[in-house]
Amino acid sequence: MPHGFKPIFIVALAALLCACGSSSTAPHGAGQAHSDSPGAGSKQAAKAADSGDPDLVAAVSPGGSDPPIGLKFRLDTRPVVGMPAQLVLALLPTPGVQISHIHGSLQVADGLQLQSAHSFDINAPQSGVPLRQEVTVVPLRNGVLSFSATLVIDYDNGSTARTYAIPLIAANNAS
């Protein structure tokens, strides 16, 4: 764990992750298209993500989740060392803000392997309509592991970038 992390921060991140739960009822395969990146393993939904999904949890960003975009996530399976885990990202463009392009870059820290594409692009998303991006990660060790997504958003009045942190707690077994 990097030097400088406060224990309270780790506890808060763990609580955030525990609140997300997993969902077995949401359909994840319908209406999806591959991202603009060639050979991309992650998928971008052609239809809106269910923003009313109670399993979605807000990702943490030092820049906040104010306009022009927010990010929520959900784990479809509990992270277990050596087993793929599906992470669903819901990008939430702010209503009334016309975004021309979103570039997403995904990063993992030591102990976590990204099996999906490391980036994705979305052109001209509809204002206020959530977008879904599916990502597969594999924990390589147990404990709190770090996943982050950096979004570069181009819109009428300029560009901005936001980095969102998503903690994952991996266990040695599924029980």
C-alpha atoms as a PDB file:
ATOM      1  CA  MET A   1       0.000   0.000   0.000  1.00  0.00           C
ATOM      2  CA  PRO A   2       1.512   3.401  -0.953  1.00  0.00           C
ATOM      3  CA  HIS A   3       2.953   5.514   1.830  1.00  0.00           C
ATOM      4  CA  GLY A   4       0.748   8.443   2.788  1.00  0.00           C
ATOM      5  CA  PHE A   5      -2.635   6.683   2.700  1.00  0.00           C
ATOM      6  CA  LYS A   6      -4.551   7.448   5.849  1.00  0.00           C
ATOM      7  CA  PRO A   7      -6.279   4.497   7.561  1.00  0.00           C
ATOM      8  CA  ILE A   8      -9.592   6.389   7.508  1.00  0.00           C
ATOM      9  CA  PHE A   9      -9.326   6.683   3.704  1.00  0.00           C
ATOM     10  CA  ILE A  10      -8.894   2.919   3.370  1.00  0.00           C
ATOM     11  CA  VAL A  11     -11.864   2.295   5.669  1.00  0.00           C
ATOM     12  CA  ALA A  12     -13.988   4.740   3.649  1.00  0.00           C
ATOM     13  CA  LEU A  13     -12.996   3.067   0.385  1.00  0.00           C
ATOM     14  CA  ALA A  14     -13.757  -0.362   1.822  1.00  0.00           C
ATOM     15  CA  ALA A  15     -17.179   0.847   2.982  1.00  0.00           C
ATOM     16  CA  LEU A  16     -17.846   2.279  -0.470  1.00  0.00           C
ATOM     17  CA  LEU A  17     -17.024  -1.047  -2.098  1.00  0.00           C
ATOM     18  CA  CYS A  18     -19.117  -3.055   0.358  1.00  0.00           C
ATOM     19  CA  ALA A  19     -22.094  -0.839  -0.437  1.00  0.00           C
ATOM     20  CA  CYS A  20     -21.996  -1.734  -4.124  1.00  0.00           C
ATOM     21  CA  GLY A  21     -23.024  -5.387  -3.801  1.00  0.00           C
ATOM     22  CA  SER A  22     -23.528  -7.494  -6.887  1.00  0.00           C
ATOM     23  CA  SER A  23     -26.460  -7.828  -9.189  1.00  0.00           C
ATOM     24  CA  SER A  24     -27.711 -10.994 -10.802  1.00  0.00           C
ATOM     25  CA  THR A  25     -30.836  -9.550 -12.385  1.00  0.00           C
ATOM     26  CA  ALA A  26     -29.535  -6.854 -14.721  1.00  0.00           C
ATOM     27  CA  PRO A  27     -29.144  -7.820 -18.374  1.00  0.00           C
ATOM     28  CA  HIS A  28     -25.599  -7.114 -19.524  1.00  0.00           C
ATOM     29  CA  GLY A  29     -25.361  -8.519 -23.013  1.00  0.00           C
ATOM     30  CA  ALA A  30     -28.200  -6.814 -24.880  1.00  0.00           C
ATOM     31  CA  GLY A  31     -27.567  -3.846 -27.141  1.00  0.00           C
ATOM     32  CA  GLN A  32     -23.813  -3.635 -26.697  1.00  0.00           C
ATOM     33  CA  ALA A  33     -21.211  -2.657 -29.246  1.00  0.00           C
ATOM     34  CA  HIS A  34     -17.429  -2.836 -29.072  1.00  0.00           C
ATOM     35  CA  SER A  35     -15.599   0.387 -28.246  1.00  0.00           C
ATOM     36  CA  ASP A  36     -13.892   2.395 -30.972  1.00  0.00           C
ATOM     37  CA  SER A  37     -10.502   0.866 -30.066  1.00  0.00           C
ATOM     38  CA  PRO A  38      -9.559  -1.974 -32.424  1.00  0.00           C
ATOM     39  CA  GLY A  39      -9.650  -5.369 -30.727  1.00  0.00           C
ATOM     40  CA  ALA A  40     -11.129  -3.858 -27.581  1.00  0.00           C
ATOM     41  CA  GLY A  41     -12.166  -6.342 -24.898  1.00  0.00           C
ATOM     42  CA  SER A  42     -14.399  -3.899 -23.085  1.00  0.00           C
ATOM     43  CA  LYS A  43     -17.872  -3.109 -24.376  1.00  0.00           C
ATOM     44  CA  GLN A  44     -19.787   0.130 -24.725  1.00  0.00           C
ATOM     45  CA  ALA A  45     -23.547  -0.019 -24.481  1.00  0.00           C
ATOM     46  CA  ALA A  46     -25.456   1.289 -27.453  1.00  0.00           C
ATOM     47  CA  LYS A  47     -28.373   1.870 -25.133  1.00  0.00           C
ATOM     48  CA  ALA A  48     -28.363   3.801 -21.876  1.00  0.00           C
ATOM     49  CA  ALA A  49     -27.237   2.169 -18.649  1.00  0.00           C
ATOM     50  CA  ASP A  50     -29.869   1.800 -15.979  1.00  0.00           C
ATOM     51  CA  SER A  51     -29.105   4.896 -13.896  1.00  0.00           C
ATOM     52  CA  GLY A  52     -31.781   3.759 -11.423  1.00  0.00           C
ATOM     53  CA  ASP A  53     -29.793   0.580 -10.699  1.00  0.00           C
ATOM     54  CA  PRO A  54     -29.572   0.372  -6.880  1.00  0.00           C
ATOM     55  CA  ASP A  55     -26.264  -1.510  -7.145  1.00  0.00           C
ATOM     56  CA  LEU A  56     -24.447   1.412  -8.787  1.00  0.00           C
ATOM     57  CA  VAL A  57     -22.065   3.269  -6.470  1.00  0.00           C
ATOM     58  CA  ALA A  58     -20.415   6.624  -7.183  1.00  0.00           C
ATOM     59  CA  ALA A  59     -16.709   6.410  -7.974  1.00  0.00           C
ATOM     60  CA  VAL A  60     -14.442   8.797  -6.052  1.00  0.00           C
ATOM     61  CA  SER A  61     -12.849  11.744  -7.879  1.00  0.00           C
ATOM     62  CA  PRO A  62     -10.767  14.548  -6.341  1.00  0.00           C
ATOM     63  CA  GLY A  63     -12.340  16.818  -9.003  1.00  0.00           C
ATOM     64  CA  GLY A  64     -15.847  15.821  -7.905  1.00  0.00           C
ATOM     65  CA  SER A  65     -18.583  14.436 -10.119  1.00  0.00           C
ATOM     66  CA  ASP A  66     -20.055  17.800 -11.087  1.00  0.00           C
ATOM     67  CA  PRO A  67     -20.516  18.768 -14.740  1.00  0.00           C
ATOM     68  CA  PRO A  68     -19.746  17.665 -17.333  1.00  0.00           C
ATOM     69  CA  ILE A  69     -19.759  13.985 -16.222  1.00  0.00           C
ATOM     70  CA  GLY A  70     -20.070  11.606 -13.293  1.00  0.00           C
ATOM     71  CA  LEU A  71     -19.086   7.959 -12.950  1.00  0.00           C
ATOM     72  CA  LYS A  72     -20.727   5.110 -11.051  1.00  0.00           C
ATOM     73  CA  PHE A  73     -19.757   1.459 -10.936  1.00  0.00           C
ATOM     74  CA  ARG A  74     -21.042  -1.994 -10.040  1.00  0.00           C
ATOM     75  CA  LEU A  75     -19.327  -5.319  -9.525  1.00  0.00           C
ATOM     76  CA  ASP A  76     -21.102  -8.267 -11.109  1.00  0.00           C
ATOM     77  CA  THR A  77     -19.053 -10.802  -9.149  1.00  0.00           C
ATOM     78  CA  ARG A  78     -17.053 -10.718  -5.959  1.00  0.00           C
ATOM     79  CA  PRO A  79     -13.341 -10.277  -6.767  1.00  0.00           C
ATOM     80  CA  VAL A  80     -11.504 -13.566  -6.077  1.00  0.00           C
ATOM     81  CA  VAL A  81      -7.765 -14.017  -6.587  1.00  0.00           C
ATOM     82  CA  GLY A  82      -7.048 -15.562  -9.986  1.00  0.00           C
ATOM     83  CA  MET A  83     -10.645 -15.313 -11.260  1.00  0.00           C
ATOM     84  CA  PRO A  84     -12.005 -12.709 -13.709  1.00  0.00           C
ATOM     85  CA  ALA A  85     -14.381 -10.152 -12.187  1.00  0.00           C
ATOM     86  CA  GLN A  86     -16.780  -8.039 -14.250  1.00  0.00           C
ATOM     87  CA  LEU A  87     -16.927  -4.322 -13.426  1.00  0.00           C
ATOM     88  CA  VAL A  88     -19.664  -2.183 -14.981  1.00  0.00           C
ATOM     89  CA  LEU A  89     -18.929   1.533 -15.334  1.00  0.00           C
ATOM     90  CA  ALA A  90     -21.836   3.933 -15.868  1.00  0.00           C
ATOM     91  CA  LEU A  91     -20.733   7.254 -17.357  1.00  0.00           C
ATOM     92  CA  LEU A  92     -23.292   9.923 -16.502  1.00  0.00           C
ATOM     93  CA  PRO A  93     -23.123  12.987 -18.804  1.00  0.00           C
ATOM     94  CA  THR A  94     -24.707  16.023 -17.177  1.00  0.00           C
ATOM     95  CA  PRO A  95     -28.062  17.003 -18.748  1.00  0.00           C
ATOM     96  CA  GLY A  96     -27.791  20.189 -20.789  1.00  0.00           C
ATOM     97  CA  VAL A  97     -24.027  19.859 -21.378  1.00  0.00           C
ATOM     98  CA  GLN A  98     -23.243  19.014 -24.994  1.00  0.00           C
ATOM     99  CA  ILE A  99     -20.256  16.652 -24.971  1.00  0.00           C
ATOM    100  CA  SER A 100     -18.600  16.053 -28.332  1.00  0.00           C
ATOM    101  CA  HIS A 101     -16.197  13.272 -27.290  1.00  0.00           C
ATOM    102  CA  ILE A 102     -15.196  11.179 -24.275  1.00  0.00           C
ATOM    103  CA  HIS A 103     -11.860   9.379 -24.105  1.00  0.00           C
ATOM    104  CA  GLY A 104     -11.536   6.891 -21.273  1.00  0.00           C
ATOM    105  CA  SER A 105      -8.254   5.476 -20.029  1.00  0.00           C
ATOM    106  CA  LEU A 106      -8.272   2.583 -17.543  1.00  0.00           C
ATOM    107  CA  GLN A 107      -5.432   1.867 -15.131  1.00  0.00           C
ATOM    108  CA  VAL A 108      -4.788  -0.807 -12.518  1.00  0.00           C
ATOM    109  CA  ALA A 109      -2.273  -0.852  -9.686  1.00  0.00           C
ATOM    110  CA  ASP A 110      -0.028  -3.756  -8.688  1.00  0.00           C
ATOM    111  CA  GLY A 111      -2.004  -6.849  -7.809  1.00  0.00           C
ATOM    112  CA  LEU A 112      -4.708  -6.317 -10.420  1.00  0.00           C
ATOM    113  CA  GLN A 113      -4.669  -7.281 -14.100  1.00  0.00           C
ATOM    114  CA  LEU A 114      -6.851  -5.581 -16.716  1.00  0.00           C
ATOM    115  CA  GLN A 115      -8.188  -8.057 -19.314  1.00  0.00           C
ATOM    116  CA  SER A 116     -10.220  -5.442 -21.209  1.00  0.00           C
ATOM    117  CA  ALA A 117      -8.936  -2.724 -23.505  1.00  0.00           C
ATOM    118  CA  HIS A 118      -6.994  -0.022 -21.679  1.00  0.00           C
ATOM    119  CA  SER A 119      -8.945   2.772 -23.362  1.00  0.00           C
ATOM    120  CA  PHE A 120     -12.218   3.576 -25.094  1.00  0.00           C
ATOM    121  CA  ASP A 121     -13.729   6.445 -27.063  1.00  0.00           C
ATOM    122  CA  ILE A 122     -17.314   7.634 -27.274  1.00  0.00           C
ATOM    123  CA  ASN A 123     -18.279  10.214 -29.881  1.00  0.00           C
ATOM    124  CA  ALA A 124     -21.204  12.630 -29.451  1.00  0.00           C
ATOM    125  CA  PRO A 125     -22.982  11.034 -26.486  1.00  0.00           C
ATOM    126  CA  GLN A 126     -26.552  12.163 -25.945  1.00  0.00           C
ATOM    127  CA  SER A 127     -26.869  14.824 -23.228  1.00  0.00           C
ATOM    128  CA  GLY A 128     -28.006  13.370 -19.911  1.00  0.00           C
ATOM    129  CA  VAL A 129     -28.106   9.757 -21.142  1.00  0.00           C
ATOM    130  CA  PRO A 130     -25.935   7.322 -19.133  1.00  0.00           C
ATOM    131  CA  LEU A 131     -23.467   5.122 -21.022  1.00  0.00           C
ATOM    132  CA  ARG A 132     -22.251   1.728 -19.890  1.00  0.00           C
ATOM    133  CA  GLN A 133     -18.740   0.343 -20.223  1.00  0.00           C
ATOM    134  CA  GLU A 134     -17.939  -3.223 -19.117  1.00  0.00           C
ATOM    135  CA  VAL A 135     -14.456  -4.046 -17.857  1.00  0.00           C
ATOM    136  CA  THR A 136     -12.911  -7.356 -16.806  1.00  0.00           C
ATOM    137  CA  VAL A 137     -10.177  -7.454 -14.163  1.00  0.00           C
ATOM    138  CA  VAL A 138      -8.339 -10.322 -12.478  1.00  0.00           C
ATOM    139  CA  PRO A 139      -7.070  -9.894  -8.906  1.00  0.00           C
ATOM    140  CA  LEU A 140      -3.567 -11.347  -8.524  1.00  0.00           C
ATOM    141  CA  ARG A 141      -3.494 -11.071  -4.720  1.00  0.00           C
ATOM    142  CA  ASN A 142      -5.958 -10.584  -1.897  1.00  0.00           C
ATOM    143  CA  GLY A 143      -6.638  -7.257  -0.183  1.00  0.00           C
ATOM    144  CA  VAL A 144      -7.613  -3.777  -1.338  1.00  0.00           C
ATOM    145  CA  LEU A 145      -6.657  -3.266  -4.986  1.00  0.00           C
ATOM    146  CA  SER A 146      -6.830  -0.062  -6.990  1.00  0.00           C
ATOM    147  CA  PHE A 147      -8.615   0.497 -10.305  1.00  0.00           C
ATOM    148  CA  SER A 148      -8.946   3.956 -11.846  1.00  0.00           C
ATOM    149  CA  ALA A 149     -10.577   5.503 -14.878  1.00  0.00           C
ATOM    150  CA  THR A 150      -9.485   8.813 -16.356  1.00  0.00           C
ATOM    151  CA  LEU A 151     -12.063  10.514 -18.560  1.00  0.00           C
ATOM    152  CA  VAL A 152     -11.099  13.332 -20.927  1.00  0.00           C
ATOM    153  CA  ILE A 153     -14.261  15.146 -21.918  1.00  0.00           C
ATOM    154  CA  ASP A 154     -14.440  17.503 -24.908  1.00  0.00           C
ATOM    155  CA  TYR A 155     -17.432  19.852 -24.979  1.00  0.00           C
ATOM    156  CA  ASP A 156     -18.454  23.213 -26.442  1.00  0.00           C
ATOM    157  CA  ASN A 157     -16.554  25.362 -23.950  1.00  0.00           C
ATOM    158  CA  GLY A 158     -13.321  23.352 -23.810  1.00  0.00           C
ATOM    159  CA  SER A 159     -12.022  20.130 -22.344  1.00  0.00           C
ATOM    160  CA  THR A 160     -11.633  18.714 -18.886  1.00  0.00           C
ATOM    161  CA  ALA A 161     -10.216  15.545 -17.363  1.00  0.00           C
ATOM    162  CA  ARG A 162     -11.364  13.635 -14.311  1.00  0.00           C
ATOM    163  CA  THR A 163      -9.768  10.612 -12.666  1.00  0.00           C
ATOM    164  CA  TYR A 164     -12.022   8.310 -10.674  1.00  0.00           C
ATOM    165  CA  ALA A 165     -10.740   5.802  -8.111  1.00  0.00           C
ATOM    166  CA  ILE A 166     -12.502   2.494  -7.599  1.00  0.00           C
ATOM    167  CA  PRO A 167     -11.275   0.240  -4.781  1.00  0.00           C
ATOM    168  CA  LEU A 168     -11.694  -3.515  -5.140  1.00  0.00           C
ATOM    169  CA  ILE A 169     -11.400  -5.918  -2.221  1.00  0.00           C
ATOM    170  CA  ALA A 170     -10.177  -9.312  -3.420  1.00  0.00           C
ATOM    171  CA  ALA A 171     -10.431 -12.506  -1.388  1.00  0.00           C
ATOM    172  CA  ASN A 172      -8.531 -15.786  -1.703  1.00  0.00           C
ATOM    173  CA  ASN A 173     -11.781 -17.699  -2.200  1.00  0.00           C
ATOM    174  CA  ALA A 174     -15.414 -17.039  -3.102  1.00  0.00           C
ATOM    175  CA  SER A 175     -16.883 -17.782   0.333  1.00  0.00           C
END
